[in-house]
């Protein structure tokens, strides 16, 4: 069985929820798919707009499926390249999962 779980981050590292074996589905999700996941796990207001600066990126250096900041004019977004095809950071990428104290990571969990 697979489910998605959200986890607030305090540092640039995974914070895998309890009873979750992180898994990254091999998909080609786009920005619309990211937006749906973000809305499901946001604990604050989301801007609905992605910050296309270098923070975050299309990377595979963490176990999460995605991570994003909340409550700002633009959300800084990290997405896992195993599951997503859209690049949220434009030309450059920091590949940082944590981009501020409002960052939430979303995990696909094998239960």
PDB file of N, CA and C in Angstrom:
ATOM      1  N   UNK A   1       0.847  -1.179   0.000  1.00  0.00           N
ATOM      2  CA  UNK A   1       0.000   0.000   0.000  1.00  0.00           C
ATOM      3  C   UNK A   1       0.896   1.248   0.000  1.00  0.00           C
ATOM      4  N   UNK A   2       0.456   2.263  -0.738  1.00  0.00           N
ATOM      5  CA  UNK A   2       1.213   3.512  -0.871  1.00  0.00           C
ATOM      6  C   UNK A   2       0.329   4.675  -0.410  1.00  0.00           C
ATOM      7  N   UNK A   3       0.923   5.613   0.295  1.00  0.00           N
ATOM      8  CA  UNK A   3       0.207   6.838   0.638  1.00  0.00           C
ATOM      9  C   UNK A   3       1.209   7.989   0.657  1.00  0.00           C
ATOM     10  N   UNK A   4       0.707   9.206   0.624  1.00  0.00           N
ATOM     11  CA  UNK A   4       1.552  10.393   0.742  1.00  0.00           C
ATOM     12  C   UNK A   4       1.439  10.941   2.157  1.00  0.00           C
ATOM     13  N   UNK A   5       2.567  11.415   2.705  1.00  0.00           N
ATOM     14  CA  UNK A   5       2.580  12.033   4.034  1.00  0.00           C
ATOM     15  C   UNK A   5       3.438  13.292   3.979  1.00  0.00           C
ATOM     16  N   UNK A   6       3.004  14.320   4.692  1.00  0.00           N
ATOM     17  CA  UNK A   6       3.760  15.563   4.777  1.00  0.00           C
ATOM     18  C   UNK A   6       4.542  15.643   6.064  1.00  0.00           C
ATOM     19  N   UNK A   7       5.649  16.393   6.016  1.00  0.00           N
ATOM     20  CA  UNK A   7       6.493  16.549   7.195  1.00  0.00           C
ATOM     21  C   UNK A   7       7.146  17.927   7.163  1.00  0.00           C
ATOM     22  N   UNK A   8       6.946  18.762   8.208  1.00  0.00           N
ATOM     23  CA  UNK A   8       7.644  20.050   8.252  1.00  0.00           C
ATOM     24  C   UNK A   8       9.146  19.829   8.420  1.00  0.00           C
ATOM     25  N   UNK A   9       9.933  20.672   7.778  1.00  0.00           N
ATOM     26  CA  UNK A   9      11.391  20.536   7.861  1.00  0.00           C
ATOM     27  C   UNK A   9      11.987  21.624   8.738  1.00  0.00           C
ATOM     28  N   UNK A  10      13.056  21.269   9.442  1.00  0.00           N
ATOM     29  CA  UNK A  10      13.794  22.211  10.296  1.00  0.00           C
ATOM     30  C   UNK A  10      15.213  22.439   9.780  1.00  0.00           C
ATOM     31  N   UNK A  11      15.661  21.611   8.841  1.00  0.00           N
ATOM     32  CA  UNK A  11      17.014  21.726   8.298  1.00  0.00           C
ATOM     33  C   UNK A  11      17.039  21.102   6.898  1.00  0.00           C
ATOM     34  N   UNK A  12      18.145  21.239   6.204  1.00  0.00           N
ATOM     35  CA  UNK A  12      18.273  20.714   4.845  1.00  0.00           C
ATOM     36  C   UNK A  12      18.583  19.219   4.882  1.00  0.00           C
ATOM     37  N   UNK A  13      17.570  18.446   5.207  1.00  0.00           N
ATOM     38  CA  UNK A  13      17.701  16.994   5.274  1.00  0.00           C
ATOM     39  C   UNK A  13      16.326  16.371   5.380  1.00  0.00           C
ATOM     40  N   UNK A  14      16.238  15.098   5.039  1.00  0.00           N
ATOM     41  CA  UNK A  14      14.956  14.411   5.111  1.00  0.00           C
ATOM     42  C   UNK A  14      14.433  14.350   6.538  1.00  0.00           C
ATOM     43  N   UNK A  15      13.119  14.402   6.667  1.00  0.00           N
ATOM     44  CA  UNK A  15      12.420  14.195   7.931  1.00  0.00           C
ATOM     45  C   UNK A  15      11.282  13.220   7.634  1.00  0.00           C
ATOM     46  N   UNK A  16      11.655  11.970   7.456  1.00  0.00           N
ATOM     47  CA  UNK A  16      10.702  10.941   7.034  1.00  0.00           C
ATOM     48  C   UNK A  16       9.699  10.682   8.157  1.00  0.00           C
ATOM     49  N   UNK A  17       8.389  10.746   7.852  1.00  0.00           N
ATOM     50  CA  UNK A  17       7.382  10.487   8.887  1.00  0.00           C
ATOM     51  C   UNK A  17       7.494   9.072   9.448  1.00  0.00           C
ATOM     52  N   UNK A  18       7.011   8.906  10.670  1.00  0.00           N
ATOM     53  CA  UNK A  18       7.004   7.582  11.312  1.00  0.00           C
ATOM     54  C   UNK A  18       6.191   6.612  10.462  1.00  0.00           C
ATOM     55  N   UNK A  19       6.582   5.363  10.486  1.00  0.00           N
ATOM     56  CA  UNK A  19       5.893   4.299   9.737  1.00  0.00           C
ATOM     57  C   UNK A  19       5.859   4.545   8.234  1.00  0.00           C
ATOM     58  N   UNK A  20       6.869   5.225   7.719  1.00  0.00           N
ATOM     59  CA  UNK A  20       6.940   5.509   6.278  1.00  0.00           C
ATOM     60  C   UNK A  20       8.253   4.965   5.729  1.00  0.00           C
ATOM     61  N   UNK A  21       8.137   4.110   4.725  1.00  0.00           N
ATOM     62  CA  UNK A  21       9.317   3.689   3.967  1.00  0.00           C
ATOM     63  C   UNK A  21       9.313   4.531   2.703  1.00  0.00           C
ATOM     64  N   UNK A  22      10.170   5.567   2.614  1.00  0.00           N
ATOM     65  CA  UNK A  22      10.100   6.479   1.480  1.00  0.00           C
ATOM     66  C   UNK A  22      10.366   5.781   0.147  1.00  0.00           C
ATOM     67  N   UNK A  23       9.605   6.200  -0.829  1.00  0.00           N
ATOM     68  CA  UNK A  23       9.644   5.613  -2.160  1.00  0.00           C
ATOM     69  C   UNK A  23       9.407   6.739  -3.155  1.00  0.00           C
ATOM     70  N   UNK A  24      10.076   6.706  -4.273  1.00  0.00           N
ATOM     71  CA  UNK A  24       9.904   7.726  -5.301  1.00  0.00           C
ATOM     72  C   UNK A  24       9.337   7.066  -6.557  1.00  0.00           C
ATOM     73  N   UNK A  25       8.030   7.244  -6.796  1.00  0.00           N
ATOM     74  CA  UNK A  25       7.435   6.614  -7.973  1.00  0.00           C
ATOM     75  C   UNK A  25       8.081   7.129  -9.264  1.00  0.00           C
ATOM     76  N   UNK A  26       8.307   6.237 -10.190  1.00  0.00           N
ATOM     77  CA  UNK A  26       8.874   6.624 -11.480  1.00  0.00           C
ATOM     78  C   UNK A  26       7.740   7.178 -12.343  1.00  0.00           C
ATOM     79  N   UNK A  27       7.633   8.479 -12.358  1.00  0.00           N
ATOM     80  CA  UNK A  27       6.556   9.173 -13.077  1.00  0.00           C
ATOM     81  C   UNK A  27       7.152  10.337 -13.852  1.00  0.00           C
ATOM     82  N   UNK A  28       6.304  11.040 -14.557  1.00  0.00           N
ATOM     83  CA  UNK A  28       6.704  12.271 -15.250  1.00  0.00           C
ATOM     84  C   UNK A  28       5.702  13.360 -14.906  1.00  0.00           C
ATOM     85  N   UNK A  29       5.529  13.574 -13.596  1.00  0.00           N
ATOM     86  CA  UNK A  29       4.572  14.564 -13.139  1.00  0.00           C
ATOM     87  C   UNK A  29       5.024  15.964 -13.521  1.00  0.00           C
ATOM     88  N   UNK A  30       4.047  16.834 -13.705  1.00  0.00           N
ATOM     89  CA  UNK A  30       4.310  18.220 -14.068  1.00  0.00           C
ATOM     90  C   UNK A  30       3.943  19.180 -12.952  1.00  0.00           C
ATOM     91  N   UNK A  31       3.900  20.464 -13.285  1.00  0.00           N
ATOM     92  CA  UNK A  31       3.624  21.504 -12.295  1.00  0.00           C
ATOM     93  C   UNK A  31       2.226  21.371 -11.703  1.00  0.00           C
ATOM     94  N   UNK A  32       1.252  20.946 -12.495  1.00  0.00           N
ATOM     95  CA  UNK A  32      -0.109  20.756 -11.986  1.00  0.00           C
ATOM     96  C   UNK A  32      -0.130  19.673 -10.910  1.00  0.00           C
ATOM     97  N   UNK A  33       0.614  18.601 -11.133  1.00  0.00           N
ATOM     98  CA  UNK A  33       0.690  17.528 -10.136  1.00  0.00           C
ATOM     99  C   UNK A  33       1.345  18.029  -8.854  1.00  0.00           C
ATOM    100  N   UNK A  34       2.414  18.836  -9.003  1.00  0.00           N
ATOM    101  CA  UNK A  34       3.042  19.433  -7.822  1.00  0.00           C
ATOM    102  C   UNK A  34       2.022  20.268  -7.052  1.00  0.00           C
ATOM    103  N   UNK A  35       1.276  21.110  -7.758  1.00  0.00           N
ATOM    104  CA  UNK A  35       0.307  21.998  -7.102  1.00  0.00           C
ATOM    105  C   UNK A  35      -0.734  21.210  -6.318  1.00  0.00           C
ATOM    106  N   UNK A  36      -1.180  20.105  -6.875  1.00  0.00           N
ATOM    107  CA  UNK A  36      -2.172  19.268  -6.172  1.00  0.00           C
ATOM    108  C   UNK A  36      -1.586  18.712  -4.875  1.00  0.00           C
ATOM    109  N   UNK A  37      -0.354  18.201  -4.939  1.00  0.00           N
ATOM    110  CA  UNK A  37       0.291  17.674  -3.727  1.00  0.00           C
ATOM    111  C   UNK A  37       0.506  18.783  -2.699  1.00  0.00           C
ATOM    112  N   UNK A  38       0.977  19.935  -3.154  1.00  0.00           N
ATOM    113  CA  UNK A  38       1.242  21.051  -2.236  1.00  0.00           C
ATOM    114  C   UNK A  38      -0.034  21.480  -1.520  1.00  0.00           C
ATOM    115  N   UNK A  39      -1.137  21.574  -2.234  1.00  0.00           N
ATOM    116  CA  UNK A  39      -2.403  21.983  -1.617  1.00  0.00           C
ATOM    117  C   UNK A  39      -2.860  20.964  -0.578  1.00  0.00           C
ATOM    118  N   UNK A  40      -2.574  19.690  -0.814  1.00  0.00           N
ATOM    119  CA  UNK A  40      -2.986  18.645   0.131  1.00  0.00           C
ATOM    120  C   UNK A  40      -2.215  18.734   1.450  1.00  0.00           C
ATOM    121  N   UNK A  41      -0.965  19.206   1.415  1.00  0.00           N
ATOM    122  CA  UNK A  41      -0.115  19.155   2.599  1.00  0.00           C
ATOM    123  C   UNK A  41       0.298  20.519   3.150  1.00  0.00           C
ATOM    124  N   UNK A  42      -0.200  21.579   2.580  1.00  0.00           N
ATOM    125  CA  UNK A  42       0.129  22.921   3.072  1.00  0.00           C
ATOM    126  C   UNK A  42      -0.522  23.150   4.434  1.00  0.00           C
ATOM    127  N   UNK A  43       0.223  23.764   5.335  1.00  0.00           N
ATOM    128  CA  UNK A  43      -0.330  24.128   6.647  1.00  0.00           C
ATOM    129  C   UNK A  43      -0.508  25.642   6.751  1.00  0.00           C
ATOM    130  N   UNK A  44      -0.087  26.350   5.725  1.00  0.00           N
ATOM    131  CA  UNK A  44      -0.259  27.804   5.625  1.00  0.00           C
ATOM    132  C   UNK A  44      -0.772  28.126   4.227  1.00  0.00           C
ATOM    133  N   UNK A  45      -1.053  29.388   3.989  1.00  0.00           N
ATOM    134  CA  UNK A  45      -1.496  29.830   2.671  1.00  0.00           C
ATOM    135  C   UNK A  45      -0.408  29.590   1.634  1.00  0.00           C
ATOM    136  N   UNK A  46      -0.819  29.125   0.466  1.00  0.00           N
ATOM    137  CA  UNK A  46       0.106  28.968  -0.655  1.00  0.00           C
ATOM    138  C   UNK A  46      -0.153  30.060  -1.669  1.00  0.00           C
ATOM    139  N   UNK A  47       0.906  30.561  -2.264  1.00  0.00           N
ATOM    140  CA  UNK A  47       0.762  31.622  -3.251  1.00  0.00           C
ATOM    141  C   UNK A  47       0.168  31.106  -4.549  1.00  0.00           C
ATOM    142  N   UNK A  48       0.425  29.844  -4.866  1.00  0.00           N
ATOM    143  CA  UNK A  48      -0.001  29.308  -6.147  1.00  0.00           C
ATOM    144  C   UNK A  48       1.005  29.568  -7.250  1.00  0.00           C
ATOM    145  N   UNK A  49       2.075  30.296  -6.931  1.00  0.00           N
ATOM    146  CA  UNK A  49       3.109  30.608  -7.915  1.00  0.00           C
ATOM    147  C   UNK A  49       4.453  30.045  -7.462  1.00  0.00           C
ATOM    148  N   UNK A  50       5.205  29.528  -8.413  1.00  0.00           N
ATOM    149  CA  UNK A  50       6.517  28.953  -8.138  1.00  0.00           C
ATOM    150  C   UNK A  50       7.596  30.006  -8.342  1.00  0.00           C
ATOM    151  N   UNK A  51       8.513  30.104  -7.380  1.00  0.00           N
ATOM    152  CA  UNK A  51       9.692  30.961  -7.505  1.00  0.00           C
ATOM    153  C   UNK A  51      10.683  30.220  -8.401  1.00  0.00           C
ATOM    154  N   UNK A  52      10.927  30.751  -9.592  1.00  0.00           N
ATOM    155  CA  UNK A  52      11.805  30.079 -10.554  1.00  0.00           C
ATOM    156  C   UNK A  52      13.271  30.465 -10.385  1.00  0.00           C
ATOM    157  N   UNK A  53      13.642  30.943  -9.193  1.00  0.00           N
ATOM    158  CA  UNK A  53      15.043  31.211  -8.881  1.00  0.00           C
ATOM    159  C   UNK A  53      15.786  29.911  -8.610  1.00  0.00           C
ATOM    160  N   UNK A  54      17.029  30.025  -8.127  1.00  0.00           N
ATOM    161  CA  UNK A  54      17.896  28.855  -7.972  1.00  0.00           C
ATOM    162  C   UNK A  54      17.587  28.005  -6.735  1.00  0.00           C
ATOM    163  N   UNK A  55      16.757  28.494  -5.793  1.00  0.00           N
ATOM    164  CA  UNK A  55      16.450  27.702  -4.595  1.00  0.00           C
ATOM    165  C   UNK A  55      15.609  26.494  -4.967  1.00  0.00           C
ATOM    166  N   UNK A  56      15.977  25.332  -4.415  1.00  0.00           N
ATOM    167  CA  UNK A  56      15.258  24.103  -4.734  1.00  0.00           C
ATOM    168  C   UNK A  56      15.778  23.504  -6.023  1.00  0.00           C
ATOM    169  N   UNK A  57      14.866  22.996  -6.855  1.00  0.00           N
ATOM    170  CA  UNK A  57      15.262  22.469  -8.151  1.00  0.00           C
ATOM    171  C   UNK A  57      14.679  21.107  -8.459  1.00  0.00           C
ATOM    172  N   UNK A  58      15.074  20.579  -9.614  1.00  0.00           N
ATOM    173  CA  UNK A  58      14.708  19.246 -10.074  1.00  0.00           C
ATOM    174  C   UNK A  58      15.910  18.359  -9.777  1.00  0.00           C
ATOM    175  N   UNK A  59      15.856  17.610  -8.679  1.00  0.00           N
ATOM    176  CA  UNK A  59      17.033  16.904  -8.149  1.00  0.00           C
ATOM    177  C   UNK A  59      16.617  15.534  -7.630  1.00  0.00           C
ATOM    178  N   UNK A  60      17.585  14.732  -7.200  1.00  0.00           N
ATOM    179  CA  UNK A  60      17.248  13.439  -6.600  1.00  0.00           C
ATOM    180  C   UNK A  60      18.146  13.143  -5.396  1.00  0.00           C
ATOM    181  N   UNK A  61      18.532  14.196  -4.683  1.00  0.00           N
ATOM    182  CA  UNK A  61      19.466  14.040  -3.565  1.00  0.00           C
ATOM    183  C   UNK A  61      18.788  13.827  -2.206  1.00  0.00           C
ATOM    184  N   UNK A  62      17.461  13.671  -2.185  1.00  0.00           N
ATOM    185  CA  UNK A  62      16.728  13.388  -0.952  1.00  0.00           C
ATOM    186  C   UNK A  62      15.663  12.341  -1.221  1.00  0.00           C
ATOM    187  N   UNK A  63      15.077  11.798  -0.151  1.00  0.00           N
ATOM    188  CA  UNK A  63      14.051  10.751  -0.256  1.00  0.00           C
ATOM    189  C   UNK A  63      12.656  11.296  -0.549  1.00  0.00           C
ATOM    190  N   UNK A  64      12.423  12.579  -0.278  1.00  0.00           N
ATOM    191  CA  UNK A  64      11.103  13.188  -0.491  1.00  0.00           C
ATOM    192  C   UNK A  64      10.728  13.163  -1.971  1.00  0.00           C
ATOM    193  N   UNK A  65       9.431  13.304  -2.222  1.00  0.00           N
ATOM    194  CA  UNK A  65       8.938  13.455  -3.594  1.00  0.00           C
ATOM    195  C   UNK A  65       8.964  14.936  -3.969  1.00  0.00           C
ATOM    196  N   UNK A  66       8.627  15.801  -3.006  1.00  0.00           N
ATOM    197  CA  UNK A  66       8.692  17.242  -3.223  1.00  0.00           C
ATOM    198  C   UNK A  66       8.827  17.957  -1.876  1.00  0.00           C
ATOM    199  N   UNK A  67       9.243  19.211  -1.926  1.00  0.00           N
ATOM    200  CA  UNK A  67       9.265  20.090  -0.756  1.00  0.00           C
ATOM    201  C   UNK A  67       9.007  21.506  -1.261  1.00  0.00           C
ATOM    202  N   UNK A  68       8.391  22.321  -0.410  1.00  0.00           N
ATOM    203  CA  UNK A  68       8.026  23.672  -0.841  1.00  0.00           C
ATOM    204  C   UNK A  68       7.892  24.593   0.359  1.00  0.00           C
ATOM    205  N   UNK A  69       8.091  25.891   0.113  1.00  0.00           N
ATOM    206  CA  UNK A  69       7.863  26.891   1.151  1.00  0.00           C
ATOM    207  C   UNK A  69       6.428  27.406   1.028  1.00  0.00           C
ATOM    208  N   UNK A  70       5.926  27.942   2.135  1.00  0.00           N
ATOM    209  CA  UNK A  70       4.546  28.411   2.199  1.00  0.00           C
ATOM    210  C   UNK A  70       4.483  29.855   2.676  1.00  0.00           C
ATOM    211  N   UNK A  71       3.330  30.492   2.445  1.00  0.00           N
ATOM    212  CA  UNK A  71       3.047  31.799   3.009  1.00  0.00           C
ATOM    213  C   UNK A  71       3.811  32.944   2.388  1.00  0.00           C
ATOM    214  N   UNK A  72       4.458  32.709   1.271  1.00  0.00           N
ATOM    215  CA  UNK A  72       5.222  33.751   0.600  1.00  0.00           C
ATOM    216  C   UNK A  72       4.569  34.074  -0.735  1.00  0.00           C
ATOM    217  N   UNK A  73       5.039  35.149  -1.369  1.00  0.00           N
ATOM    218  CA  UNK A  73       4.488  35.520  -2.663  1.00  0.00           C
ATOM    219  C   UNK A  73       4.725  34.413  -3.689  1.00  0.00           C
ATOM    220  N   UNK A  74       5.898  33.802  -3.634  1.00  0.00           N
ATOM    221  CA  UNK A  74       6.242  32.696  -4.517  1.00  0.00           C
ATOM    222  C   UNK A  74       6.795  31.554  -3.669  1.00  0.00           C
ATOM    223  N   UNK A  75       6.400  30.325  -3.983  1.00  0.00           N
ATOM    224  CA  UNK A  75       6.914  29.161  -3.260  1.00  0.00           C
ATOM    225  C   UNK A  75       8.232  28.694  -3.865  1.00  0.00           C
ATOM    226  N   UNK A  76       9.215  28.456  -3.005  1.00  0.00           N
ATOM    227  CA  UNK A  76      10.476  27.841  -3.433  1.00  0.00           C
ATOM    228  C   UNK A  76      10.226  26.346  -3.438  1.00  0.00           C
ATOM    229  N   UNK A  77      10.570  25.692  -4.547  1.00  0.00           N
ATOM    230  CA  UNK A  77      10.139  24.312  -4.763  1.00  0.00           C
ATOM    231  C   UNK A  77      11.311  23.405  -5.099  1.00  0.00           C
ATOM    232  N   UNK A  78      11.336  22.238  -4.446  1.00  0.00           N
ATOM    233  CA  UNK A  78      12.249  21.144  -4.771  1.00  0.00           C
ATOM    234  C   UNK A  78      11.379  19.969  -5.195  1.00  0.00           C
ATOM    235  N   UNK A  79      11.689  19.340  -6.337  1.00  0.00           N
ATOM    236  CA  UNK A  79      10.969  18.144  -6.758  1.00  0.00           C
ATOM    237  C   UNK A  79      11.974  17.046  -7.099  1.00  0.00           C
ATOM    238  N   UNK A  80      11.565  15.812  -6.849  1.00  0.00           N
ATOM    239  CA  UNK A  80      12.438  14.670  -7.101  1.00  0.00           C
ATOM    240  C   UNK A  80      12.383  14.317  -8.589  1.00  0.00           C
ATOM    241  N   UNK A  81      13.544  14.266  -9.224  1.00  0.00           N
ATOM    242  CA  UNK A  81      13.621  14.007 -10.664  1.00  0.00           C
ATOM    243  C   UNK A  81      13.186  12.585 -11.033  1.00  0.00           C
ATOM    244  N   UNK A  82      13.076  11.695 -10.041  1.00  0.00           N
ATOM    245  CA  UNK A  82      12.571  10.345 -10.325  1.00  0.00           C
ATOM    246  C   UNK A  82      11.069  10.370 -10.576  1.00  0.00           C
ATOM    247  N   UNK A  83      10.380  11.399 -10.039  1.00  0.00           N
ATOM    248  CA  UNK A  83       8.924  11.468 -10.131  1.00  0.00           C
ATOM    249  C   UNK A  83       8.403  12.636 -10.964  1.00  0.00           C
ATOM    250  N   UNK A  84       9.196  13.685 -11.091  1.00  0.00           N
ATOM    251  CA  UNK A  84       8.742  14.888 -11.796  1.00  0.00           C
ATOM    252  C   UNK A  84       9.568  15.153 -13.046  1.00  0.00           C
ATOM    253  N   UNK A  85       8.945  15.849 -14.007  1.00  0.00           N
ATOM    254  CA  UNK A  85       9.662  16.270 -15.208  1.00  0.00           C
ATOM    255  C   UNK A  85       9.803  17.791 -15.272  1.00  0.00           C
ATOM    256  N   UNK A  86       9.009  18.537 -14.498  1.00  0.00           N
ATOM    257  CA  UNK A  86       9.112  19.998 -14.595  1.00  0.00           C
ATOM    258  C   UNK A  86      10.216  20.528 -13.690  1.00  0.00           C
ATOM    259  N   UNK A  87      10.896  21.554 -14.168  1.00  0.00           N
ATOM    260  CA  UNK A  87      12.014  22.144 -13.425  1.00  0.00           C
ATOM    261  C   UNK A  87      11.540  23.431 -12.761  1.00  0.00           C
ATOM    262  N   UNK A  88      11.393  23.430 -11.424  1.00  0.00           N
ATOM    263  CA  UNK A  88      10.865  24.606 -10.742  1.00  0.00           C
ATOM    264  C   UNK A  88      11.872  25.743 -10.566  1.00  0.00           C
ATOM    265  N   UNK A  89      13.149  25.490 -10.873  1.00  0.00           N
ATOM    266  CA  UNK A  89      14.150  26.521 -10.567  1.00  0.00           C
ATOM    267  C   UNK A  89      14.818  27.134 -11.798  1.00  0.00           C
ATOM    268  N   UNK A  90      14.282  26.916 -12.962  1.00  0.00           N
ATOM    269  CA  UNK A  90      14.860  27.559 -14.141  1.00  0.00           C
ATOM    270  C   UNK A  90      16.244  27.036 -14.480  1.00  0.00           C
ATOM    271  N   UNK A  91      17.189  27.929 -14.764  1.00  0.00           N
ATOM    272  CA  UNK A  91      18.514  27.541 -15.256  1.00  0.00           C
ATOM    273  C   UNK A  91      19.420  26.917 -14.201  1.00  0.00           C
ATOM    274  N   UNK A  92      19.350  27.390 -12.962  1.00  0.00           N
ATOM    275  CA  UNK A  92      20.241  26.883 -11.917  1.00  0.00           C
ATOM    276  C   UNK A  92      19.443  26.202 -10.835  1.00  0.00           C
ATOM    277  N   UNK A  93      20.102  25.433  -9.982  1.00  0.00           N
ATOM    278  CA  UNK A  93      19.405  24.768  -8.886  1.00  0.00           C
ATOM    279  C   UNK A  93      20.346  24.581  -7.710  1.00  0.00           C
ATOM    280  N   UNK A  94      19.871  24.945  -6.509  1.00  0.00           N
ATOM    281  CA  UNK A  94      20.662  24.713  -5.298  1.00  0.00           C
ATOM    282  C   UNK A  94      20.525  23.259  -4.834  1.00  0.00           C
ATOM    283  N   UNK A  95      19.454  22.597  -5.256  1.00  0.00           N
ATOM    284  CA  UNK A  95      19.096  21.229  -4.824  1.00  0.00           C
ATOM    285  C   UNK A  95      18.909  21.141  -3.311  1.00  0.00           C
ATOM    286  N   UNK A  96      18.570  22.260  -2.667  1.00  0.00           N
ATOM    287  CA  UNK A  96      18.284  22.246  -1.232  1.00  0.00           C
ATOM    288  C   UNK A  96      16.817  21.901  -1.011  1.00  0.00           C
ATOM    289  N   UNK A  97      16.594  20.954  -0.126  1.00  0.00           N
ATOM    290  CA  UNK A  97      15.235  20.555   0.245  1.00  0.00           C
ATOM    291  C   UNK A  97      14.601  21.622   1.137  1.00  0.00           C
ATOM    292  N   UNK A  98      15.396  22.148   2.062  1.00  0.00           N
ATOM    293  CA  UNK A  98      14.937  23.147   3.034  1.00  0.00           C
ATOM    294  C   UNK A  98      15.254  24.548   2.518  1.00  0.00           C
ATOM    295  N   UNK A  99      14.221  25.376   2.382  1.00  0.00           N
ATOM    296  CA  UNK A  99      14.419  26.742   1.881  1.00  0.00           C
ATOM    297  C   UNK A  99      13.751  27.781   2.767  1.00  0.00           C
ATOM    298  N   UNK A 100      13.679  27.511   4.067  1.00  0.00           N
ATOM    299  CA  UNK A 100      13.096  28.451   5.017  1.00  0.00           C
ATOM    300  C   UNK A 100      12.205  27.727   6.010  1.00  0.00           C
ATOM    301  N   UNK A 101      11.843  28.436   7.095  1.00  0.00           N
ATOM    302  CA  UNK A 101      11.144  27.777   8.201  1.00  0.00           C
ATOM    303  C   UNK A 101       9.720  27.339   7.876  1.00  0.00           C
ATOM    304  N   UNK A 102       9.217  27.681   6.712  1.00  0.00           N
ATOM    305  CA  UNK A 102       7.868  27.234   6.320  1.00  0.00           C
ATOM    306  C   UNK A 102       7.918  26.025   5.398  1.00  0.00           C
ATOM    307  N   UNK A 103       9.093  25.416   5.235  1.00  0.00           N
ATOM    308  CA  UNK A 103       9.241  24.310   4.282  1.00  0.00           C
ATOM    309  C   UNK A 103       8.541  23.042   4.760  1.00  0.00           C
ATOM    310  N   UNK A 104       7.779  22.446   3.851  1.00  0.00           N
ATOM    311  CA  UNK A 104       7.124  21.161   4.093  1.00  0.00           C
ATOM    312  C   UNK A 104       7.615  20.184   3.020  1.00  0.00           C
ATOM    313  N   UNK A 105       8.003  18.987   3.436  1.00  0.00           N
ATOM    314  CA  UNK A 105       8.372  17.931   2.506  1.00  0.00           C
ATOM    315  C   UNK A 105       7.210  16.943   2.393  1.00  0.00           C
ATOM    316  N   UNK A 106       7.036  16.381   1.222  1.00  0.00           N
ATOM    317  CA  UNK A 106       6.002  15.371   0.997  1.00  0.00           C
ATOM    318  C   UNK A 106       6.695  14.073   0.580  1.00  0.00           C
ATOM    319  N   UNK A 107       6.311  12.996   1.242  1.00  0.00           N
ATOM    320  CA  UNK A 107       6.892  11.677   0.991  1.00  0.00           C
ATOM    321  C   UNK A 107       5.839  10.726   0.446  1.00  0.00           C
ATOM    322  N   UNK A 108       6.225   9.917  -0.530  1.00  0.00           N
ATOM    323  CA  UNK A 108       5.414   8.775  -0.943  1.00  0.00           C
ATOM    324  C   UNK A 108       5.883   7.618  -0.073  1.00  0.00           C
ATOM    325  N   UNK A 109       4.961   7.011   0.645  1.00  0.00           N
ATOM    326  CA  UNK A 109       5.318   5.997   1.637  1.00  0.00           C
ATOM    327  C   UNK A 109       4.768   4.636   1.273  1.00  0.00           C
ATOM    328  N   UNK A 110       5.635   3.643   1.317  1.00  0.00           N
ATOM    329  CA  UNK A 110       5.219   2.248   1.212  1.00  0.00           C
ATOM    330  C   UNK A 110       4.918   1.800   2.637  1.00  0.00           C
ATOM    331  N   UNK A 111       3.709   1.388   2.882  1.00  0.00           N
ATOM    332  CA  UNK A 111       3.301   1.035   4.254  1.00  0.00           C
ATOM    333  C   UNK A 111       3.414  -0.463   4.499  1.00  0.00           C
TER     334      UNK A 111
END
